[in-house]
Amino acid sequence: FADGGRVIKSMRTDYAEFVDHPDRPAMIHRMMREQ
């Protein structure tokens, strides 16, 4: 966000393949941090 709220860039990562993974929370947290 810039200028008090205007979105200037967005990134989206799908993780459907990891929904049932036993370490899903840790994996998703790592993906979030990296993104």
PDB file of all heavy atoms in Angstrom:
ATOM      1  N   PHE A   1       0.836  -1.194   0.000  1.00  0.00           N
ATOM      2  CA  PHE A   1       0.000   0.000   0.000  1.00  0.00           C
ATOM      3  C   PHE A   1       0.876   1.250   0.000  1.00  0.00           C
ATOM      4  O   PHE A   1       1.915   1.301   0.652  1.00  0.00           O
ATOM      5  CB  PHE A   1      -0.870   0.061   1.266  1.00  0.00           C
ATOM      6  CG  PHE A   1      -1.860  -1.063   1.388  1.00  0.00           C
ATOM      7  CD1 PHE A   1      -1.523  -2.218   2.071  1.00  0.00           C
ATOM      8  CD2 PHE A   1      -3.130  -0.943   0.843  1.00  0.00           C
ATOM      9  CE1 PHE A   1      -2.438  -3.254   2.204  1.00  0.00           C
ATOM     10  CE2 PHE A   1      -4.049  -1.974   0.972  1.00  0.00           C
ATOM     11  CZ  PHE A   1      -3.705  -3.132   1.656  1.00  0.00           C
ATOM     12  N   ALA A   2       0.419   2.277  -0.709  1.00  0.00           N
ATOM     13  CA  ALA A   2       1.068   3.586  -0.718  1.00  0.00           C
ATOM     14  C   ALA A   2      -0.021   4.643  -0.609  1.00  0.00           C
ATOM     15  O   ALA A   2      -1.212   4.346  -0.739  1.00  0.00           O
ATOM     16  CB  ALA A   2       1.857   3.781  -2.009  1.00  0.00           C
ATOM     17  N   ASP A   3       0.382   5.861  -0.387  1.00  0.00           N
ATOM     18  CA  ASP A   3      -0.547   6.992  -0.370  1.00  0.00           C
ATOM     19  C   ASP A   3      -1.722   6.783   0.580  1.00  0.00           C
ATOM     20  O   ASP A   3      -2.867   7.095   0.247  1.00  0.00           O
ATOM     21  CB  ASP A   3      -1.092   7.270  -1.777  1.00  0.00           C
ATOM     22  CG  ASP A   3       0.010   7.566  -2.776  1.00  0.00           C
ATOM     23  OD1 ASP A   3       1.041   8.123  -2.369  1.00  0.00           O
ATOM     24  OD2 ASP A   3      -0.164   7.234  -3.959  1.00  0.00           O
ATOM     25  N   GLY A   4      -1.457   6.204   1.728  1.00  0.00           N
ATOM     26  CA  GLY A   4      -2.499   6.054   2.724  1.00  0.00           C
ATOM     27  C   GLY A   4      -3.547   5.007   2.398  1.00  0.00           C
ATOM     28  O   GLY A   4      -4.651   5.049   2.911  1.00  0.00           O
ATOM     29  N   GLY A   5      -3.250   4.047   1.532  1.00  0.00           N
ATOM     30  CA  GLY A   5      -4.199   2.976   1.306  1.00  0.00           C
ATOM     31  C   GLY A   5      -4.333   2.484  -0.118  1.00  0.00           C
ATOM     32  O   GLY A   5      -5.003   1.493  -0.358  1.00  0.00           O
ATOM     33  N   ARG A   6      -3.684   3.131  -1.065  1.00  0.00           N
ATOM     34  CA  ARG A   6      -3.774   2.691  -2.463  1.00  0.00           C
ATOM     35  C   ARG A   6      -2.871   1.472  -2.672  1.00  0.00           C
ATOM     36  O   ARG A   6      -1.682   1.505  -2.379  1.00  0.00           O
ATOM     37  CB  ARG A   6      -3.324   3.830  -3.378  1.00  0.00           C
ATOM     38  CG  ARG A   6      -3.414   3.517  -4.853  1.00  0.00           C
ATOM     39  CD  ARG A   6      -3.124   4.754  -5.688  1.00  0.00           C
ATOM     40  NE  ARG A   6      -1.819   5.325  -5.383  1.00  0.00           N
ATOM     41  CZ  ARG A   6      -0.722   5.113  -6.110  1.00  0.00           C
ATOM     42  NH1 ARG A   6      -0.777   4.348  -7.174  1.00  0.00           N
ATOM     43  NH2 ARG A   6       0.416   5.677  -5.773  1.00  0.00           N
ATOM     44  N   VAL A   7      -3.439   0.368  -3.172  1.00  0.00           N
ATOM     45  CA  VAL A   7      -2.661  -0.843  -3.446  1.00  0.00           C
ATOM     46  C   VAL A   7      -1.872  -0.631  -4.734  1.00  0.00           C
ATOM     47  O   VAL A   7      -2.449  -0.345  -5.778  1.00  0.00           O
ATOM     48  CB  VAL A   7      -3.568  -2.084  -3.581  1.00  0.00           C
ATOM     49  CG1 VAL A   7      -2.756  -3.311  -3.960  1.00  0.00           C
ATOM     50  CG2 VAL A   7      -4.338  -2.334  -2.299  1.00  0.00           C
ATOM     51  N   ILE A   8      -0.549  -0.767  -4.637  1.00  0.00           N
ATOM     52  CA  ILE A   8       0.265  -0.599  -5.840  1.00  0.00           C
ATOM     53  C   ILE A   8       0.834  -1.921  -6.355  1.00  0.00           C
ATOM     54  O   ILE A   8       1.280  -1.993  -7.489  1.00  0.00           O
ATOM     55  CB  ILE A   8       1.392   0.438  -5.646  1.00  0.00           C
ATOM     56  CG1 ILE A   8       2.342   0.032  -4.534  1.00  0.00           C
ATOM     57  CG2 ILE A   8       0.805   1.807  -5.385  1.00  0.00           C
ATOM     58  CD1 ILE A   8       3.572   0.924  -4.448  1.00  0.00           C
ATOM     59  N   LYS A   9       0.780  -2.957  -5.528  1.00  0.00           N
ATOM     60  CA  LYS A   9       1.244  -4.272  -5.975  1.00  0.00           C
ATOM     61  C   LYS A   9       0.614  -5.330  -5.072  1.00  0.00           C
ATOM     62  O   LYS A   9       0.477  -5.122  -3.877  1.00  0.00           O
ATOM     63  CB  LYS A   9       2.778  -4.361  -5.898  1.00  0.00           C
ATOM     64  CG  LYS A   9       3.351  -5.692  -6.311  1.00  0.00           C
ATOM     65  CD  LYS A   9       3.154  -5.959  -7.784  1.00  0.00           C
ATOM     66  CE  LYS A   9       3.798  -7.299  -8.167  1.00  0.00           C
ATOM     67  NZ  LYS A   9       3.592  -7.638  -9.542  1.00  0.00           N
ATOM     68  N   SER A  10       0.240  -6.444  -5.670  1.00  0.00           N
ATOM     69  CA  SER A  10      -0.281  -7.585  -4.920  1.00  0.00           C
ATOM     70  C   SER A  10       0.400  -8.850  -5.395  1.00  0.00           C
ATOM     71  O   SER A  10       0.755  -8.970  -6.569  1.00  0.00           O
ATOM     72  CB  SER A  10      -1.791  -7.738  -5.129  1.00  0.00           C
ATOM     73  OG  SER A  10      -2.486  -6.652  -4.578  1.00  0.00           O
ATOM     74  N   MET A  11       0.570  -9.780  -4.477  1.00  0.00           N
ATOM     75  CA  MET A  11       1.084 -11.110  -4.788  1.00  0.00           C
ATOM     76  C   MET A  11       0.109 -12.115  -4.195  1.00  0.00           C
ATOM     77  O   MET A  11      -0.393 -11.913  -3.092  1.00  0.00           O
ATOM     78  CB  MET A  11       2.451 -11.353  -4.143  1.00  0.00           C
ATOM     79  CG  MET A  11       3.581 -10.560  -4.654  1.00  0.00           C
ATOM     80  SD  MET A  11       5.080 -11.030  -3.738  1.00  0.00           S
ATOM     81  CE  MET A  11       6.282 -10.002  -4.520  1.00  0.00           C
ATOM     82  N   ARG A  12      -0.116 -13.194  -4.926  1.00  0.00           N
ATOM     83  CA  ARG A  12      -1.013 -14.242  -4.435  1.00  0.00           C
ATOM     84  C   ARG A  12      -0.354 -15.593  -4.695  1.00  0.00           C
ATOM     85  O   ARG A  12       0.111 -15.860  -5.805  1.00  0.00           O
ATOM     86  CB  ARG A  12      -2.342 -14.160  -5.156  1.00  0.00           C
ATOM     87  CG  ARG A  12      -3.313 -15.247  -4.752  1.00  0.00           C
ATOM     88  CD  ARG A  12      -4.591 -15.115  -5.540  1.00  0.00           C
ATOM     89  NE  ARG A  12      -5.392 -16.316  -5.365  1.00  0.00           N
ATOM     90  CZ  ARG A  12      -6.703 -16.332  -5.335  1.00  0.00           C
ATOM     91  NH1 ARG A  12      -7.371 -15.211  -5.495  1.00  0.00           N
ATOM     92  NH2 ARG A  12      -7.348 -17.444  -5.173  1.00  0.00           N
ATOM     93  N   THR A  13      -0.348 -16.429  -3.667  1.00  0.00           N
ATOM     94  CA  THR A  13       0.191 -17.775  -3.789  1.00  0.00           C
ATOM     95  C   THR A  13      -0.865 -18.763  -3.328  1.00  0.00           C
ATOM     96  O   THR A  13      -1.385 -18.648  -2.212  1.00  0.00           O
ATOM     97  CB  THR A  13       1.464 -17.940  -2.925  1.00  0.00           C
ATOM     98  OG1 THR A  13       2.437 -16.998  -3.347  1.00  0.00           O
ATOM     99  CG2 THR A  13       2.022 -19.344  -3.049  1.00  0.00           C
ATOM    100  N   ASP A  14      -1.176 -19.728  -4.179  1.00  0.00           N
ATOM    101  CA  ASP A  14      -2.136 -20.763  -3.854  1.00  0.00           C
ATOM    102  C   ASP A  14      -1.411 -21.892  -3.117  1.00  0.00           C
ATOM    103  O   ASP A  14      -0.290 -22.235  -3.469  1.00  0.00           O
ATOM    104  CB  ASP A  14      -2.763 -21.299  -5.142  1.00  0.00           C
ATOM    105  CG  ASP A  14      -3.782 -22.375  -4.871  1.00  0.00           C
ATOM    106  OD1 ASP A  14      -4.873 -22.032  -4.368  1.00  0.00           O
ATOM    107  OD2 ASP A  14      -3.485 -23.554  -5.150  1.00  0.00           O
ATOM    108  N   TYR A  15      -2.053 -22.447  -2.083  1.00  0.00           N
ATOM    109  CA  TYR A  15      -1.440 -23.574  -1.386  1.00  0.00           C
ATOM    110  C   TYR A  15      -2.405 -24.748  -1.225  1.00  0.00           C
ATOM    111  O   TYR A  15      -2.279 -25.564  -0.304  1.00  0.00           O
ATOM    112  CB  TYR A  15      -0.851 -23.152  -0.035  1.00  0.00           C
ATOM    113  CG  TYR A  15      -1.819 -22.673   1.023  1.00  0.00           C
ATOM    114  CD1 TYR A  15      -2.476 -23.584   1.856  1.00  0.00           C
ATOM    115  CD2 TYR A  15      -2.043 -21.325   1.220  1.00  0.00           C
ATOM    116  CE1 TYR A  15      -3.347 -23.152   2.844  1.00  0.00           C
ATOM    117  CE2 TYR A  15      -2.907 -20.882   2.204  1.00  0.00           C
ATOM    118  CZ  TYR A  15      -3.554 -21.806   3.013  1.00  0.00           C
ATOM    119  OH  TYR A  15      -4.406 -21.384   3.998  1.00  0.00           O
ATOM    120  N   ALA A  16      -3.329 -24.893  -2.165  1.00  0.00           N
ATOM    121  CA  ALA A  16      -4.308 -25.987  -2.109  1.00  0.00           C
ATOM    122  C   ALA A  16      -3.638 -27.353  -1.977  1.00  0.00           C
ATOM    123  O   ALA A  16      -4.150 -28.239  -1.291  1.00  0.00           O
ATOM    124  CB  ALA A  16      -5.203 -25.954  -3.341  1.00  0.00           C
ATOM    125  N   GLU A  17      -2.486 -27.523  -2.594  1.00  0.00           N
ATOM    126  CA  GLU A  17      -1.800 -28.812  -2.536  1.00  0.00           C
ATOM    127  C   GLU A  17      -1.292 -29.160  -1.133  1.00  0.00           C
ATOM    128  O   GLU A  17      -0.966 -30.324  -0.869  1.00  0.00           O
ATOM    129  CB  GLU A  17      -0.640 -28.838  -3.529  1.00  0.00           C
ATOM    130  CG  GLU A  17       0.471 -27.836  -3.180  1.00  0.00           C
ATOM    131  CD  GLU A  17       1.491 -27.707  -4.285  1.00  0.00           C
ATOM    132  OE1 GLU A  17       2.413 -28.536  -4.345  1.00  0.00           O
ATOM    133  OE2 GLU A  17       1.339 -26.767  -5.088  1.00  0.00           O
ATOM    134  N   PHE A  18      -1.239 -28.176  -0.229  1.00  0.00           N
ATOM    135  CA  PHE A  18      -0.725 -28.417   1.121  1.00  0.00           C
ATOM    136  C   PHE A  18      -1.802 -28.438   2.203  1.00  0.00           C
ATOM    137  O   PHE A  18      -1.489 -28.580   3.383  1.00  0.00           O
ATOM    138  CB  PHE A  18       0.306 -27.341   1.496  1.00  0.00           C
ATOM    139  CG  PHE A  18       1.470 -27.278   0.558  1.00  0.00           C
ATOM    140  CD1 PHE A  18       1.700 -26.135  -0.192  1.00  0.00           C
ATOM    141  CD2 PHE A  18       2.331 -28.356   0.407  1.00  0.00           C
ATOM    142  CE1 PHE A  18       2.777 -26.065  -1.062  1.00  0.00           C
ATOM    143  CE2 PHE A  18       3.404 -28.300  -0.460  1.00  0.00           C
ATOM    144  CZ  PHE A  18       3.629 -27.148  -1.209  1.00  0.00           C
ATOM    145  N   VAL A  19      -3.067 -28.300   1.828  1.00  0.00           N
ATOM    146  CA  VAL A  19      -4.147 -28.205   2.813  1.00  0.00           C
ATOM    147  C   VAL A  19      -4.160 -29.393   3.776  1.00  0.00           C
ATOM    148  O   VAL A  19      -4.376 -29.228   4.976  1.00  0.00           O
ATOM    149  CB  VAL A  19      -5.514 -28.035   2.119  1.00  0.00           C
ATOM    150  CG1 VAL A  19      -6.661 -28.268   3.081  1.00  0.00           C
ATOM    151  CG2 VAL A  19      -5.616 -26.645   1.510  1.00  0.00           C
ATOM    152  N   ASP A  20      -3.908 -30.582   3.281  1.00  0.00           N
ATOM    153  CA  ASP A  20      -3.946 -31.773   4.133  1.00  0.00           C
ATOM    154  C   ASP A  20      -2.570 -32.210   4.630  1.00  0.00           C
ATOM    155  O   ASP A  20      -2.444 -33.262   5.258  1.00  0.00           O
ATOM    156  CB  ASP A  20      -4.602 -32.932   3.377  1.00  0.00           C
ATOM    157  CG  ASP A  20      -6.070 -32.654   3.092  1.00  0.00           C
ATOM    158  OD1 ASP A  20      -6.740 -32.059   3.961  1.00  0.00           O
ATOM    159  OD2 ASP A  20      -6.533 -33.009   1.990  1.00  0.00           O
ATOM    160  N   HIS A  21      -1.557 -31.419   4.386  1.00  0.00           N
ATOM    161  CA  HIS A  21      -0.197 -31.763   4.822  1.00  0.00           C
ATOM    162  C   HIS A  21      -0.113 -31.674   6.343  1.00  0.00           C
ATOM    163  O   HIS A  21      -0.633 -30.729   6.944  1.00  0.00           O
ATOM    164  CB  HIS A  21       0.805 -30.800   4.179  1.00  0.00           C
ATOM    165  CG  HIS A  21       2.217 -31.255   4.290  1.00  0.00           C
ATOM    166  ND1 HIS A  21       2.937 -31.140   5.439  1.00  0.00           N
ATOM    167  CD2 HIS A  21       3.026 -31.845   3.381  1.00  0.00           C
ATOM    168  CE1 HIS A  21       4.151 -31.618   5.256  1.00  0.00           C
ATOM    169  NE2 HIS A  21       4.220 -32.063   3.994  1.00  0.00           N
ATOM    170  N   PRO A  22       0.522 -32.643   7.001  1.00  0.00           N
ATOM    171  CA  PRO A  22       0.583 -32.621   8.467  1.00  0.00           C
ATOM    172  C   PRO A  22       1.312 -31.398   9.040  1.00  0.00           C
ATOM    173  O   PRO A  22       1.024 -30.974  10.162  1.00  0.00           O
ATOM    174  CB  PRO A  22       1.316 -33.918   8.833  1.00  0.00           C
ATOM    175  CG  PRO A  22       1.914 -34.425   7.577  1.00  0.00           C
ATOM    176  CD  PRO A  22       1.159 -33.821   6.433  1.00  0.00           C
ATOM    177  N   ASP A  23       2.228 -30.819   8.292  1.00  0.00           N
ATOM    178  CA  ASP A  23       2.952 -29.623   8.748  1.00  0.00           C
ATOM    179  C   ASP A  23       2.417 -28.350   8.106  1.00  0.00           C
ATOM    180  O   ASP A  23       3.136 -27.362   7.975  1.00  0.00           O
ATOM    181  CB  ASP A  23       4.445 -29.754   8.445  1.00  0.00           C
ATOM    182  CG  ASP A  23       5.111 -30.846   9.247  1.00  0.00           C
ATOM    183  OD1 ASP A  23       4.688 -31.085  10.390  1.00  0.00           O
ATOM    184  OD2 ASP A  23       6.049 -31.480   8.719  1.00  0.00           O
ATOM    185  N   ARG A  24       1.135 -28.375   7.686  1.00  0.00           N
ATOM    186  CA  ARG A  24       0.551 -27.239   6.980  1.00  0.00           C
ATOM    187  C   ARG A  24       0.767 -25.905   7.687  1.00  0.00           C
ATOM    188  O   ARG A  24       1.244 -24.956   7.058  1.00  0.00           O
ATOM    189  CB  ARG A  24      -0.943 -27.458   6.724  1.00  0.00           C
ATOM    190  CG  ARG A  24      -1.591 -26.276   5.976  1.00  0.00           C
ATOM    191  CD  ARG A  24      -3.103 -26.348   5.984  1.00  0.00           C
ATOM    192  NE  ARG A  24      -3.658 -26.560   7.298  1.00  0.00           N
ATOM    193  CZ  ARG A  24      -3.819 -25.600   8.214  1.00  0.00           C
ATOM    194  NH1 ARG A  24      -3.459 -24.371   7.962  1.00  0.00           N
ATOM    195  NH2 ARG A  24      -4.347 -25.881   9.390  1.00  0.00           N
ATOM    196  N   PRO A  25       0.477 -25.768   8.988  1.00  0.00           N
ATOM    197  CA  PRO A  25       0.655 -24.448   9.606  1.00  0.00           C
ATOM    198  C   PRO A  25       2.088 -23.920   9.473  1.00  0.00           C
ATOM    199  O   PRO A  25       2.292 -22.757   9.125  1.00  0.00           O
ATOM    200  CB  PRO A  25       0.266 -24.673  11.067  1.00  0.00           C
ATOM    201  CG  PRO A  25      -0.670 -25.834  11.019  1.00  0.00           C
ATOM    202  CD  PRO A  25      -0.125 -26.724   9.931  1.00  0.00           C
ATOM    203  N   ALA A  26       3.081 -24.761   9.727  1.00  0.00           N
ATOM    204  CA  ALA A  26       4.476 -24.315   9.625  1.00  0.00           C
ATOM    205  C   ALA A  26       4.839 -23.976   8.182  1.00  0.00           C
ATOM    206  O   ALA A  26       5.533 -22.989   7.922  1.00  0.00           O
ATOM    207  CB  ALA A  26       5.413 -25.392  10.175  1.00  0.00           C
ATOM    208  N   MET A  27       4.378 -24.794   7.251  1.00  0.00           N
ATOM    209  CA  MET A  27       4.678 -24.540   5.840  1.00  0.00           C
ATOM    210  C   MET A  27       4.051 -23.234   5.372  1.00  0.00           C
ATOM    211  O   MET A  27       4.701 -22.435   4.698  1.00  0.00           O
ATOM    212  CB  MET A  27       4.152 -25.691   4.974  1.00  0.00           C
ATOM    213  CG  MET A  27       4.890 -26.992   5.164  1.00  0.00           C
ATOM    214  SD  MET A  27       4.146 -28.315   4.193  1.00  0.00           S
ATOM    215  CE  MET A  27       4.609 -27.805   2.550  1.00  0.00           C
ATOM    216  N   ILE A  28       2.797 -23.018   5.724  1.00  0.00           N
ATOM    217  CA  ILE A  28       2.106 -21.803   5.297  1.00  0.00           C
ATOM    218  C   ILE A  28       2.727 -20.579   5.949  1.00  0.00           C
ATOM    219  O   ILE A  28       2.910 -19.544   5.305  1.00  0.00           O
ATOM    220  CB  ILE A  28       0.591 -21.897   5.591  1.00  0.00           C
ATOM    221  CG1 ILE A  28      -0.022 -23.117   4.912  1.00  0.00           C
ATOM    222  CG2 ILE A  28      -0.125 -20.618   5.191  1.00  0.00           C
ATOM    223  CD1 ILE A  28       0.355 -23.330   3.473  1.00  0.00           C
ATOM    224  N   HIS A  29       3.095 -20.694   7.217  1.00  0.00           N
ATOM    225  CA  HIS A  29       3.747 -19.568   7.905  1.00  0.00           C
ATOM    226  C   HIS A  29       5.056 -19.207   7.199  1.00  0.00           C
ATOM    227  O   HIS A  29       5.350 -18.027   6.978  1.00  0.00           O
ATOM    228  CB  HIS A  29       3.989 -19.922   9.374  1.00  0.00           C
ATOM    229  CG  HIS A  29       4.480 -18.769  10.167  1.00  0.00           C
ATOM    230  ND1 HIS A  29       5.815 -18.527  10.383  1.00  0.00           N
ATOM    231  CD2 HIS A  29       3.804 -17.762  10.765  1.00  0.00           C
ATOM    232  CE1 HIS A  29       5.947 -17.434  11.099  1.00  0.00           C
ATOM    233  NE2 HIS A  29       4.747 -16.946  11.349  1.00  0.00           N
ATOM    234  N   ARG A  30       5.827 -20.210   6.831  1.00  0.00           N
ATOM    235  CA  ARG A  30       7.085 -19.965   6.120  1.00  0.00           C
ATOM    236  C   ARG A  30       6.822 -19.321   4.760  1.00  0.00           C
ATOM    237  O   ARG A  30       7.496 -18.368   4.360  1.00  0.00           O
ATOM    238  CB  ARG A  30       7.868 -21.269   5.970  1.00  0.00           C
ATOM    239  CG  ARG A  30       9.220 -21.092   5.314  1.00  0.00           C
ATOM    240  CD  ARG A  30      10.079 -22.360   5.302  1.00  0.00           C
ATOM    241  NE  ARG A  30       9.374 -23.513   4.752  1.00  0.00           N
ATOM    242  CZ  ARG A  30       8.931 -24.557   5.471  1.00  0.00           C
ATOM    243  NH1 ARG A  30       9.108 -24.587   6.774  1.00  0.00           N
ATOM    244  NH2 ARG A  30       8.302 -25.558   4.870  1.00  0.00           N
ATOM    245  N   MET A  31       5.825 -19.809   4.034  1.00  0.00           N
ATOM    246  CA  MET A  31       5.480 -19.230   2.735  1.00  0.00           C
ATOM    247  C   MET A  31       5.040 -17.772   2.889  1.00  0.00           C
ATOM    248  O   MET A  31       5.411 -16.911   2.077  1.00  0.00           O
ATOM    249  CB  MET A  31       4.363 -20.037   2.077  1.00  0.00           C
ATOM    250  CG  MET A  31       4.790 -21.421   1.635  1.00  0.00           C
ATOM    251  SD  MET A  31       3.400 -22.464   1.124  1.00  0.00           S
ATOM    252  CE  MET A  31       2.871 -21.632  -0.368  1.00  0.00           C
ATOM    253  N   MET A  32       4.265 -17.492   3.940  1.00  0.00           N
ATOM    254  CA  MET A  32       3.818 -16.120   4.190  1.00  0.00           C
ATOM    255  C   MET A  32       5.013 -15.213   4.460  1.00  0.00           C
ATOM    256  O   MET A  32       5.104 -14.107   3.912  1.00  0.00           O
ATOM    257  CB  MET A  32       2.848 -16.089   5.377  1.00  0.00           C
ATOM    258  CG  MET A  32       1.517 -16.725   5.094  1.00  0.00           C
ATOM    259  SD  MET A  32       0.510 -16.906   6.579  1.00  0.00           S
ATOM    260  CE  MET A  32       0.228 -15.198   7.028  1.00  0.00           C
ATOM    261  N   ARG A  33       5.920 -15.674   5.331  1.00  0.00           N
ATOM    262  CA  ARG A  33       7.099 -14.876   5.679  1.00  0.00           C
ATOM    263  C   ARG A  33       7.946 -14.598   4.442  1.00  0.00           C
ATOM    264  O   ARG A  33       8.401 -13.462   4.217  1.00  0.00           O
ATOM    265  CB  ARG A  33       7.904 -15.610   6.754  1.00  0.00           C
ATOM    266  CG  ARG A  33       9.075 -14.817   7.303  1.00  0.00           C
ATOM    267  CD  ARG A  33       9.815 -15.540   8.414  1.00  0.00           C
ATOM    268  NE  ARG A  33      10.350 -16.810   7.938  1.00  0.00           N
ATOM    269  CZ  ARG A  33      10.003 -18.006   8.410  1.00  0.00           C
ATOM    270  NH1 ARG A  33       9.109 -18.109   9.364  1.00  0.00           N
ATOM    271  NH2 ARG A  33      10.543 -19.101   7.917  1.00  0.00           N
ATOM    272  N   GLU A  34       8.151 -15.626   3.605  1.00  0.00           N
ATOM    273  CA  GLU A  34       8.970 -15.455   2.399  1.00  0.00           C
ATOM    274  C   GLU A  34       8.319 -14.500   1.400  1.00  0.00           C
ATOM    275  O   GLU A  34       8.993 -13.665   0.794  1.00  0.00           O
ATOM    276  CB  GLU A  34       9.232 -16.812   1.756  1.00  0.00           C
ATOM    277  CG  GLU A  34      10.177 -17.672   2.565  1.00  0.00           C
ATOM    278  CD  GLU A  34      10.271 -19.108   2.075  1.00  0.00           C
ATOM    279  OE1 GLU A  34       9.624 -19.451   1.053  1.00  0.00           O
ATOM    280  OE2 GLU A  34      10.989 -19.893   2.719  1.00  0.00           O
ATOM    281  N   GLN A  35       7.006 -14.597   1.230  1.00  0.00           N
ATOM    282  CA  GLN A  35       6.307 -13.709   0.303  1.00  0.00           C
ATOM    283  C   GLN A  35       6.326 -12.271   0.811  1.00  0.00           C
ATOM    284  O   GLN A  35       6.524 -11.328   0.035  1.00  0.00           O
ATOM    285  CB  GLN A  35       4.874 -14.203   0.101  1.00  0.00           C
ATOM    286  CG  GLN A  35       4.098 -13.409  -0.922  1.00  0.00           C
ATOM    287  CD  GLN A  35       2.831 -14.116  -1.324  1.00  0.00           C
ATOM    288  OE1 GLN A  35       2.881 -15.210  -1.879  1.00  0.00           O
ATOM    289  NE2 GLN A  35       1.689 -13.504  -1.050  1.00  0.00           N
TER     290      GLN A  35
END
